[in-house]
């Protein structure tokens, strides 16, 4: 398994196209210095009326297929 951490700070207005399905993928820079692309649908559980904020950990298989996404803070 591989683990990547990253911070997201998007307002409700910024996250709306992802939440509605108009944008399919979100690109973030990990704390490890790698660019990650996530399916936007994986972020839906973390969206609030304020948007999405926090530090997250992405866990993948060794072949980089998605396993889990969790909010750390």
C-alpha atoms as a PDB file:
ATOM      1  CA  UNK A   1       0.000   0.000   0.000  1.00  0.00           C
ATOM      2  CA  UNK A   2       1.026   3.581  -0.655  1.00  0.00           C
ATOM      3  CA  UNK A   3       0.008   6.637   1.378  1.00  0.00           C
ATOM      4  CA  UNK A   4      -0.116  10.257   0.259  1.00  0.00           C
ATOM      5  CA  UNK A   5      -1.116  13.285   2.319  1.00  0.00           C
ATOM      6  CA  UNK A   6      -2.413  16.590   1.012  1.00  0.00           C
ATOM      7  CA  UNK A   7      -4.328  19.684   2.101  1.00  0.00           C
ATOM      8  CA  UNK A   8      -7.513  20.943   0.469  1.00  0.00           C
ATOM      9  CA  UNK A   9      -9.066  24.335   1.089  1.00  0.00           C
ATOM     10  CA  UNK A  10     -11.863  24.951  -1.403  1.00  0.00           C
ATOM     11  CA  UNK A  11     -14.899  27.154  -0.881  1.00  0.00           C
ATOM     12  CA  UNK A  12     -18.397  25.863  -1.528  1.00  0.00           C
ATOM     13  CA  UNK A  13     -18.407  27.825  -4.787  1.00  0.00           C
ATOM     14  CA  UNK A  14     -15.110  26.272  -5.898  1.00  0.00           C
ATOM     15  CA  UNK A  15     -16.186  22.704  -5.119  1.00  0.00           C
ATOM     16  CA  UNK A  16     -19.652  22.996  -6.680  1.00  0.00           C
ATOM     17  CA  UNK A  17     -18.652  21.881 -10.238  1.00  0.00           C
ATOM     18  CA  UNK A  18     -17.022  18.758  -8.749  1.00  0.00           C
ATOM     19  CA  UNK A  19     -19.978  18.050  -6.491  1.00  0.00           C
ATOM     20  CA  UNK A  20     -22.441  18.412  -9.371  1.00  0.00           C
ATOM     21  CA  UNK A  21     -20.403  16.089 -11.579  1.00  0.00           C
ATOM     22  CA  UNK A  22     -19.527  18.818 -14.089  1.00  0.00           C
ATOM     23  CA  UNK A  23     -15.824  18.296 -13.329  1.00  0.00           C
ATOM     24  CA  UNK A  24     -14.759  14.674 -13.000  1.00  0.00           C
ATOM     25  CA  UNK A  25     -11.232  14.843 -11.551  1.00  0.00           C
ATOM     26  CA  UNK A  26      -9.446  17.028  -9.034  1.00  0.00           C
ATOM     27  CA  UNK A  27      -5.693  17.534  -9.163  1.00  0.00           C
ATOM     28  CA  UNK A  28      -3.792  18.162  -5.916  1.00  0.00           C
ATOM     29  CA  UNK A  29      -0.155  18.404  -4.905  1.00  0.00           C
ATOM     30  CA  UNK A  30       0.771  15.924  -2.174  1.00  0.00           C
ATOM     31  CA  UNK A  31       3.025  16.794   0.739  1.00  0.00           C
ATOM     32  CA  UNK A  32       5.402  14.249  -0.770  1.00  0.00           C
ATOM     33  CA  UNK A  33       5.773  16.476  -3.855  1.00  0.00           C
ATOM     34  CA  UNK A  34       3.691  14.378  -6.255  1.00  0.00           C
ATOM     35  CA  UNK A  35       0.743  15.557  -8.325  1.00  0.00           C
ATOM     36  CA  UNK A  36      -2.304  13.378  -7.605  1.00  0.00           C
ATOM     37  CA  UNK A  37      -5.527  13.154  -9.602  1.00  0.00           C
ATOM     38  CA  UNK A  38      -8.585  12.051  -7.682  1.00  0.00           C
ATOM     39  CA  UNK A  39     -12.036  11.184  -8.947  1.00  0.00           C
ATOM     40  CA  UNK A  40     -14.185  14.080  -7.709  1.00  0.00           C
ATOM     41  CA  UNK A  41     -16.851  11.661  -6.453  1.00  0.00           C
ATOM     42  CA  UNK A  42     -14.404  10.451  -3.762  1.00  0.00           C
ATOM     43  CA  UNK A  43     -14.520  13.901  -2.146  1.00  0.00           C
ATOM     44  CA  UNK A  44     -18.309  14.104  -1.768  1.00  0.00           C
ATOM     45  CA  UNK A  45     -18.390  12.679   1.793  1.00  0.00           C
ATOM     46  CA  UNK A  46     -16.146  15.541   2.946  1.00  0.00           C
ATOM     47  CA  UNK A  47     -18.065  18.459   1.401  1.00  0.00           C
ATOM     48  CA  UNK A  48     -19.835  20.798   3.825  1.00  0.00           C
ATOM     49  CA  UNK A  49     -21.798  24.001   3.315  1.00  0.00           C
ATOM     50  CA  UNK A  50     -18.444  25.807   3.618  1.00  0.00           C
ATOM     51  CA  UNK A  51     -16.764  23.695   0.940  1.00  0.00           C
ATOM     52  CA  UNK A  52     -14.011  21.224   1.676  1.00  0.00           C
ATOM     53  CA  UNK A  53     -11.180  21.911   4.084  1.00  0.00           C
ATOM     54  CA  UNK A  54      -8.639  19.757   5.799  1.00  0.00           C
ATOM     55  CA  UNK A  55      -5.642  17.514   5.568  1.00  0.00           C
ATOM     56  CA  UNK A  56      -6.292  14.163   3.909  1.00  0.00           C
ATOM     57  CA  UNK A  57      -4.575  10.819   3.465  1.00  0.00           C
ATOM     58  CA  UNK A  58      -5.028   8.880   0.242  1.00  0.00           C
ATOM     59  CA  UNK A  59      -4.249   5.167   0.393  1.00  0.00           C
ATOM     60  CA  UNK A  60      -3.677   3.243  -2.824  1.00  0.00           C
ATOM     61  CA  UNK A  61      -2.609  -0.197  -3.916  1.00  0.00           C
ATOM     62  CA  UNK A  62       0.983  -0.515  -5.115  1.00  0.00           C
ATOM     63  CA  UNK A  63      -0.354  -0.087  -8.677  1.00  0.00           C
ATOM     64  CA  UNK A  64      -1.902   3.256  -7.568  1.00  0.00           C
ATOM     65  CA  UNK A  65      -5.532   2.087  -7.641  1.00  0.00           C
ATOM     66  CA  UNK A  66      -7.724   3.776  -5.030  1.00  0.00           C
ATOM     67  CA  UNK A  67      -8.257   2.117  -1.653  1.00  0.00           C
ATOM     68  CA  UNK A  68      -9.277   4.831   0.818  1.00  0.00           C
ATOM     69  CA  UNK A  69      -9.465   8.546   1.458  1.00  0.00           C
ATOM     70  CA  UNK A  70      -9.699   9.908   4.985  1.00  0.00           C
ATOM     71  CA  UNK A  71      -9.641  13.342   6.593  1.00  0.00           C
ATOM     72  CA  UNK A  72      -6.846  13.685   9.112  1.00  0.00           C
ATOM     73  CA  UNK A  73      -7.628  17.187  10.432  1.00  0.00           C
END
